[in-house]
PDB file of N, CA and C in Angstrom:
ATOM      1  N   UNK A   1       6.245  23.359 141.130  1.00  0.00           N
ATOM      2  CA  UNK A   1       5.554  22.337 140.353  1.00  0.00           C
ATOM      3  C   UNK A   1       5.227  21.146 141.253  1.00  0.00           C
ATOM      4  N   UNK A   2       4.089  20.530 140.981  1.00  0.00           N
ATOM      5  CA  UNK A   2       3.711  19.311 141.690  1.00  0.00           C
ATOM      6  C   UNK A   2       3.226  18.285 140.685  1.00  0.00           C
ATOM      7  N   UNK A   3       3.136  17.028 141.123  1.00  0.00           N
ATOM      8  CA  UNK A   3       2.725  15.945 140.232  1.00  0.00           C
ATOM      9  C   UNK A   3       1.297  15.524 140.520  1.00  0.00           C
ATOM     10  N   UNK A   4       0.590  15.155 139.470  1.00  0.00           N
ATOM     11  CA  UNK A   4      -0.738  14.569 139.618  1.00  0.00           C
ATOM     12  C   UNK A   4      -0.564  13.174 140.205  1.00  0.00           C
ATOM     13  N   UNK A   5      -1.406  12.813 141.172  1.00  0.00           N
ATOM     14  CA  UNK A   5      -1.283  11.510 141.818  1.00  0.00           C
ATOM     15  C   UNK A   5      -1.675  10.364 140.897  1.00  0.00           C
ATOM     16  N   UNK A   6      -2.490  10.646 139.887  1.00  0.00           N
ATOM     17  CA  UNK A   6      -2.983   9.579 139.014  1.00  0.00           C
ATOM     18  C   UNK A   6      -2.098   9.353 137.804  1.00  0.00           C
ATOM     19  N   UNK A   7      -1.673  10.441 137.144  1.00  0.00           N
ATOM     20  CA  UNK A   7      -0.944  10.269 135.882  1.00  0.00           C
ATOM     21  C   UNK A   7       0.500  10.766 135.937  1.00  0.00           C
ATOM     22  N   UNK A   8       0.969  11.254 137.106  1.00  0.00           N
ATOM     23  CA  UNK A   8       2.349  11.735 137.282  1.00  0.00           C
ATOM     24  C   UNK A   8       2.678  12.938 136.395  1.00  0.00           C
ATOM     25  N   UNK A   9       1.667  13.654 135.930  1.00  0.00           N
ATOM     26  CA  UNK A   9       1.875  14.826 135.090  1.00  0.00           C
ATOM     27  C   UNK A   9       2.268  16.014 135.966  1.00  0.00           C
ATOM     28  N   UNK A  10       3.229  16.834 135.507  1.00  0.00           N
ATOM     29  CA  UNK A  10       3.637  18.017 136.260  1.00  0.00           C
ATOM     30  C   UNK A  10       2.598  19.122 136.099  1.00  0.00           C
ATOM     31  N   UNK A  11       2.211  19.724 137.224  1.00  0.00           N
ATOM     32  CA  UNK A  11       1.150  20.729 137.242  1.00  0.00           C
ATOM     33  C   UNK A  11       1.649  21.932 138.028  1.00  0.00           C
ATOM     34  N   UNK A  12       1.147  23.102 137.685  1.00  0.00           N
ATOM     35  CA  UNK A  12       1.475  24.322 138.415  1.00  0.00           C
ATOM     36  C   UNK A  12       1.051  24.182 139.874  1.00  0.00           C
ATOM     37  N   UNK A  13       1.813  24.798 140.774  1.00  0.00           N
ATOM     38  CA  UNK A  13       1.553  24.673 142.218  1.00  0.00           C
ATOM     39  C   UNK A  13       0.176  25.208 142.606  1.00  0.00           C
ATOM     40  N   UNK A  14      -0.290  26.268 141.956  1.00  0.00           N
ATOM     41  CA  UNK A  14      -1.570  26.886 142.310  1.00  0.00           C
ATOM     42  C   UNK A  14      -2.762  26.157 141.686  1.00  0.00           C
ATOM     43  N   UNK A  15      -2.529  25.314 140.684  1.00  0.00           N
ATOM     44  CA  UNK A  15      -3.618  24.657 139.968  1.00  0.00           C
ATOM     45  C   UNK A  15      -4.180  23.477 140.760  1.00  0.00           C
ATOM     46  N   UNK A  16      -5.493  23.232 140.588  1.00  0.00           N
ATOM     47  CA  UNK A  16      -6.130  22.071 141.218  1.00  0.00           C
ATOM     48  C   UNK A  16      -6.769  21.164 140.169  1.00  0.00           C
ATOM     49  N   UNK A  17      -6.384  21.338 138.904  1.00  0.00           N
ATOM     50  CA  UNK A  17      -6.981  20.563 137.816  1.00  0.00           C
ATOM     51  C   UNK A  17      -5.868  20.018 136.930  1.00  0.00           C
ATOM     52  N   UNK A  18      -5.959  18.730 136.592  1.00  0.00           N
ATOM     53  CA  UNK A  18      -4.968  18.100 135.720  1.00  0.00           C
ATOM     54  C   UNK A  18      -5.535  18.031 134.303  1.00  0.00           C
ATOM     55  N   UNK A  19      -4.831  18.619 133.347  1.00  0.00           N
ATOM     56  CA  UNK A  19      -5.292  18.598 131.958  1.00  0.00           C
ATOM     57  C   UNK A  19      -5.075  17.240 131.303  1.00  0.00           C
ATOM     58  N   UNK A  20      -4.112  16.485 131.771  1.00  0.00           N
ATOM     59  CA  UNK A  20      -3.802  15.198 131.166  1.00  0.00           C
ATOM     60  C   UNK A  20      -4.897  14.168 131.447  1.00  0.00           C
ATOM     61  N   UNK A  21      -5.263  13.993 132.712  1.00  0.00           N
ATOM     62  CA  UNK A  21      -6.318  13.014 133.026  1.00  0.00           C
ATOM     63  C   UNK A  21      -7.679  13.692 133.197  1.00  0.00           C
ATOM     64  N   UNK A  22      -7.719  15.014 133.048  1.00  0.00           N
ATOM     65  CA  UNK A  22      -8.956  15.806 133.070  1.00  0.00           C
ATOM     66  C   UNK A  22      -9.783  15.583 134.330  1.00  0.00           C
ATOM     67  N   UNK A  23      -9.107  15.636 135.475  1.00  0.00           N
ATOM     68  CA  UNK A  23      -9.801  15.472 136.754  1.00  0.00           C
ATOM     69  C   UNK A  23      -9.279  16.480 137.760  1.00  0.00           C
ATOM     70  N   UNK A  24     -10.121  16.770 138.745  1.00  0.00           N
ATOM     71  CA  UNK A  24      -9.711  17.643 139.835  1.00  0.00           C
ATOM     72  C   UNK A  24      -8.709  16.894 140.708  1.00  0.00           C
ATOM     73  N   UNK A  25      -7.723  17.629 141.194  1.00  0.00           N
ATOM     74  CA  UNK A  25      -6.732  17.017 142.070  1.00  0.00           C
ATOM     75  C   UNK A  25      -7.273  16.947 143.491  1.00  0.00           C
ATOM     76  N   UNK A  26      -7.014  15.849 144.135  1.00  0.00           N
ATOM     77  CA  UNK A  26      -7.367  15.726 145.544  1.00  0.00           C
ATOM     78  C   UNK A  26      -6.092  15.950 146.338  1.00  0.00           C
ATOM     79  N   UNK A  27      -6.058  17.032 147.072  1.00  0.00           N
ATOM     80  CA  UNK A  27      -4.867  17.355 147.849  1.00  0.00           C
ATOM     81  C   UNK A  27      -5.066  16.880 149.276  1.00  0.00           C
ATOM     82  N   UNK A  28      -4.040  16.260 149.823  1.00  0.00           N
ATOM     83  CA  UNK A  28      -4.098  15.766 151.191  1.00  0.00           C
ATOM     84  C   UNK A  28      -3.461  16.799 152.111  1.00  0.00           C
ATOM     85  N   UNK A  29      -4.033  16.969 153.280  1.00  0.00           N
ATOM     86  CA  UNK A  29      -3.459  17.871 154.274  1.00  0.00           C
ATOM     87  C   UNK A  29      -2.209  17.236 154.880  1.00  0.00           C
ATOM     88  N   UNK A  30      -1.344  18.057 155.464  1.00  0.00           N
ATOM     89  CA  UNK A  30      -0.115  17.545 156.069  1.00  0.00           C
ATOM     90  C   UNK A  30      -0.406  16.579 157.212  1.00  0.00           C
ATOM     91  N   UNK A  31      -1.452  16.839 157.981  1.00  0.00           N
ATOM     92  CA  UNK A  31      -1.789  15.950 159.093  1.00  0.00           C
ATOM     93  C   UNK A  31      -2.240  14.586 158.572  1.00  0.00           C
ATOM     94  N   UNK A  32      -2.931  14.552 157.430  1.00  0.00           N
ATOM     95  CA  UNK A  32      -3.345  13.280 156.836  1.00  0.00           C
ATOM     96  C   UNK A  32      -2.138  12.479 156.373  1.00  0.00           C
ATOM     97  N   UNK A  33      -1.131  13.163 155.822  1.00  0.00           N
ATOM     98  CA  UNK A  33       0.072  12.467 155.377  1.00  0.00           C
ATOM     99  C   UNK A  33       0.821  11.865 156.556  1.00  0.00           C
ATOM    100  N   UNK A  34       0.867  12.581 157.677  1.00  0.00           N
ATOM    101  CA  UNK A  34       1.541  12.055 158.863  1.00  0.00           C
ATOM    102  C   UNK A  34       0.800  10.839 159.396  1.00  0.00           C
ATOM    103  N   UNK A  35      -0.538  10.872 159.381  1.00  0.00           N
ATOM    104  CA  UNK A  35      -1.316   9.731 159.855  1.00  0.00           C
ATOM    105  C   UNK A  35      -1.107   8.520 158.957  1.00  0.00           C
ATOM    106  N   UNK A  36      -0.995   8.727 157.651  1.00  0.00           N
ATOM    107  CA  UNK A  36      -0.744   7.622 156.722  1.00  0.00           C
ATOM    108  C   UNK A  36       0.599   6.962 157.034  1.00  0.00           C
ATOM    109  N   UNK A  37       1.606   7.780 157.359  1.00  0.00           N
ATOM    110  CA  UNK A  37       2.930   7.244 157.669  1.00  0.00           C
ATOM    111  C   UNK A  37       2.899   6.425 158.953  1.00  0.00           C
ATOM    112  N   UNK A  38       2.092   6.837 159.926  1.00  0.00           N
ATOM    113  CA  UNK A  38       2.010   6.090 161.178  1.00  0.00           C
ATOM    114  C   UNK A  38       1.270   4.772 160.994  1.00  0.00           C
ATOM    115  N   UNK A  39       0.332   4.702 160.058  1.00  0.00           N
ATOM    116  CA  UNK A  39      -0.410   3.466 159.816  1.00  0.00           C
ATOM    117  C   UNK A  39       0.448   2.418 159.123  1.00  0.00           C
ATOM    118  N   UNK A  40       1.406   2.842 158.321  1.00  0.00           N
ATOM    119  CA  UNK A  40       2.252   1.921 157.571  1.00  0.00           C
ATOM    120  C   UNK A  40       3.333   1.365 158.491  1.00  0.00           C
ATOM    121  N   UNK A  41       3.396   0.030 158.684  1.00  0.00           N
ATOM    122  CA  UNK A  41       4.391  -0.530 159.609  1.00  0.00           C
ATOM    123  C   UNK A  41       5.822  -0.364 159.120  1.00  0.00           C
ATOM    124  N   UNK A  42       6.040  -0.201 157.815  1.00  0.00           N
ATOM    125  CA  UNK A  42       7.390  -0.075 157.286  1.00  0.00           C
ATOM    126  C   UNK A  42       7.863   1.375 157.226  1.00  0.00           C
ATOM    127  N   UNK A  43       7.003   2.335 157.563  1.00  0.00           N
ATOM    128  CA  UNK A  43       7.378   3.738 157.452  1.00  0.00           C
ATOM    129  C   UNK A  43       8.424   4.135 158.492  1.00  0.00           C
ATOM    130  N   UNK A  44       8.331   3.598 159.680  1.00  0.00           N
ATOM    131  CA  UNK A  44       9.245   3.979 160.754  1.00  0.00           C
ATOM    132  C   UNK A  44      10.277   2.886 161.027  1.00  0.00           C
ATOM    133  N   UNK A  45      10.576   2.050 160.069  1.00  0.00           N
ATOM    134  CA  UNK A  45      11.525   0.955 160.272  1.00  0.00           C
ATOM    135  C   UNK A  45      10.818  -0.377 160.154  1.00  0.00           C
ATOM    136  N   UNK A  46      11.406  -1.389 160.728  1.00  0.00           N
ATOM    137  CA  UNK A  46      10.831  -2.727 160.630  1.00  0.00           C
ATOM    138  C   UNK A  46       9.662  -2.888 161.594  1.00  0.00           C
ATOM    139  N   UNK A  47       8.669  -3.693 161.229  1.00  0.00           N
ATOM    140  CA  UNK A  47       7.549  -3.928 162.145  1.00  0.00           C
ATOM    141  C   UNK A  47       7.991  -4.763 163.351  1.00  0.00           C
ATOM    142  N   UNK A  48       7.144  -4.789 164.382  1.00  0.00           N
ATOM    143  CA  UNK A  48       7.498  -5.458 165.639  1.00  0.00           C
ATOM    144  C   UNK A  48       7.538  -6.971 165.532  1.00  0.00           C
ATOM    145  N   UNK A  49       6.808  -7.565 164.581  1.00  0.00           N
ATOM    146  CA  UNK A  49       6.688  -9.019 164.568  1.00  0.00           C
ATOM    147  C   UNK A  49       7.950  -9.746 164.158  1.00  0.00           C
ATOM    148  N   UNK A  50       8.956  -9.061 163.615  1.00  0.00           N
ATOM    149  CA  UNK A  50      10.167  -9.785 163.259  1.00  0.00           C
ATOM    150  C   UNK A  50      11.309  -9.525 164.243  1.00  0.00           C
ATOM    151  N   UNK A  51      10.999  -8.944 165.396  1.00  0.00           N
ATOM    152  CA  UNK A  51      12.006  -8.759 166.433  1.00  0.00           C
ATOM    153  C   UNK A  51      12.051 -10.034 167.266  1.00  0.00           C
ATOM    154  N   UNK A  52      13.220 -10.662 167.325  1.00  0.00           N
ATOM    155  CA  UNK A  52      13.373 -11.946 168.015  1.00  0.00           C
ATOM    156  C   UNK A  52      14.249 -11.726 169.240  1.00  0.00           C
ATOM    157  N   UNK A  53      13.802 -12.183 170.422  1.00  0.00           N
ATOM    158  CA  UNK A  53      14.669 -12.058 171.595  1.00  0.00           C
ATOM    159  C   UNK A  53      15.923 -12.914 171.431  1.00  0.00           C
ATOM    160  N   UNK A  54      17.070 -12.474 171.943  1.00  0.00           N
ATOM    161  CA  UNK A  54      18.333 -13.184 171.686  1.00  0.00           C
ATOM    162  C   UNK A  54      18.385 -14.594 172.262  1.00  0.00           C
ATOM    163  N   UNK A  55      17.618 -14.897 173.302  1.00  0.00           N
ATOM    164  CA  UNK A  55      17.684 -16.245 173.887  1.00  0.00           C
ATOM    165  C   UNK A  55      17.007 -17.299 173.013  1.00  0.00           C
ATOM    166  N   UNK A  56      16.205 -16.886 172.032  1.00  0.00           N
ATOM    167  CA  UNK A  56      15.547 -17.866 171.162  1.00  0.00           C
ATOM    168  C   UNK A  56      16.409 -18.264 169.975  1.00  0.00           C
ATOM    169  N   UNK A  57      17.527 -17.577 169.768  1.00  0.00           N
ATOM    170  CA  UNK A  57      18.393 -17.889 168.634  1.00  0.00           C
ATOM    171  C   UNK A  57      19.314 -19.042 169.009  1.00  0.00           C
ATOM    172  N   UNK A  58      19.298 -20.095 168.208  1.00  0.00           N
ATOM    173  CA  UNK A  58      20.133 -21.268 168.453  1.00  0.00           C
ATOM    174  C   UNK A  58      21.186 -21.326 167.360  1.00  0.00           C
ATOM    175  N   UNK A  59      22.434 -21.399 167.784  1.00  0.00           N
ATOM    176  CA  UNK A  59      23.534 -21.465 166.829  1.00  0.00           C
ATOM    177  C   UNK A  59      24.009 -22.903 166.755  1.00  0.00           C
ATOM    178  N   UNK A  60      24.003 -23.472 165.567  1.00  0.00           N
ATOM    179  CA  UNK A  60      24.486 -24.843 165.381  1.00  0.00           C
ATOM    180  C   UNK A  60      25.922 -24.805 164.898  1.00  0.00           C
ATOM    181  N   UNK A  61      26.744 -25.635 165.534  1.00  0.00           N
ATOM    182  CA  UNK A  61      28.156 -25.686 165.163  1.00  0.00           C
ATOM    183  C   UNK A  61      28.494 -27.070 164.641  1.00  0.00           C
ATOM    184  N   UNK A  62      29.431 -27.131 163.722  1.00  0.00           N
ATOM    185  CA  UNK A  62      29.875 -28.417 163.184  1.00  0.00           C
ATOM    186  C   UNK A  62      30.743 -29.130 164.211  1.00  0.00           C
ATOM    187  N   UNK A  63      30.634 -30.464 164.225  1.00  0.00           N
ATOM    188  CA  UNK A  63      31.490 -31.251 165.114  1.00  0.00           C
ATOM    189  C   UNK A  63      32.903 -31.312 164.564  1.00  0.00           C
ATOM    190  N   UNK A  64      33.842 -31.219 165.470  1.00  0.00           N
ATOM    191  CA  UNK A  64      35.238 -31.384 165.065  1.00  0.00           C
ATOM    192  C   UNK A  64      35.556 -32.867 165.061  1.00  0.00           C
ATOM    193  N   UNK A  65      36.187 -33.379 164.004  1.00  0.00           N
ATOM    194  CA  UNK A  65      36.514 -34.804 163.920  1.00  0.00           C
ATOM    195  C   UNK A  65      37.956 -35.043 164.207  1.00  0.00           C
TER     196      UNK A  65
END
């Protein structure tokens, strides 16, 4: 069983038509799915822009009285 991308209806694996939303299913190839994952910056972990080098981190400490 697979789900319709539009209405989340369960459909037979061999079928390409959804009776609930009455539309043809658009199936994506495996290579297209891999390319989509590479385009998404959060797919493989955190994006590069929030990586901070350790020398830029400043730790403030309270003064002892």
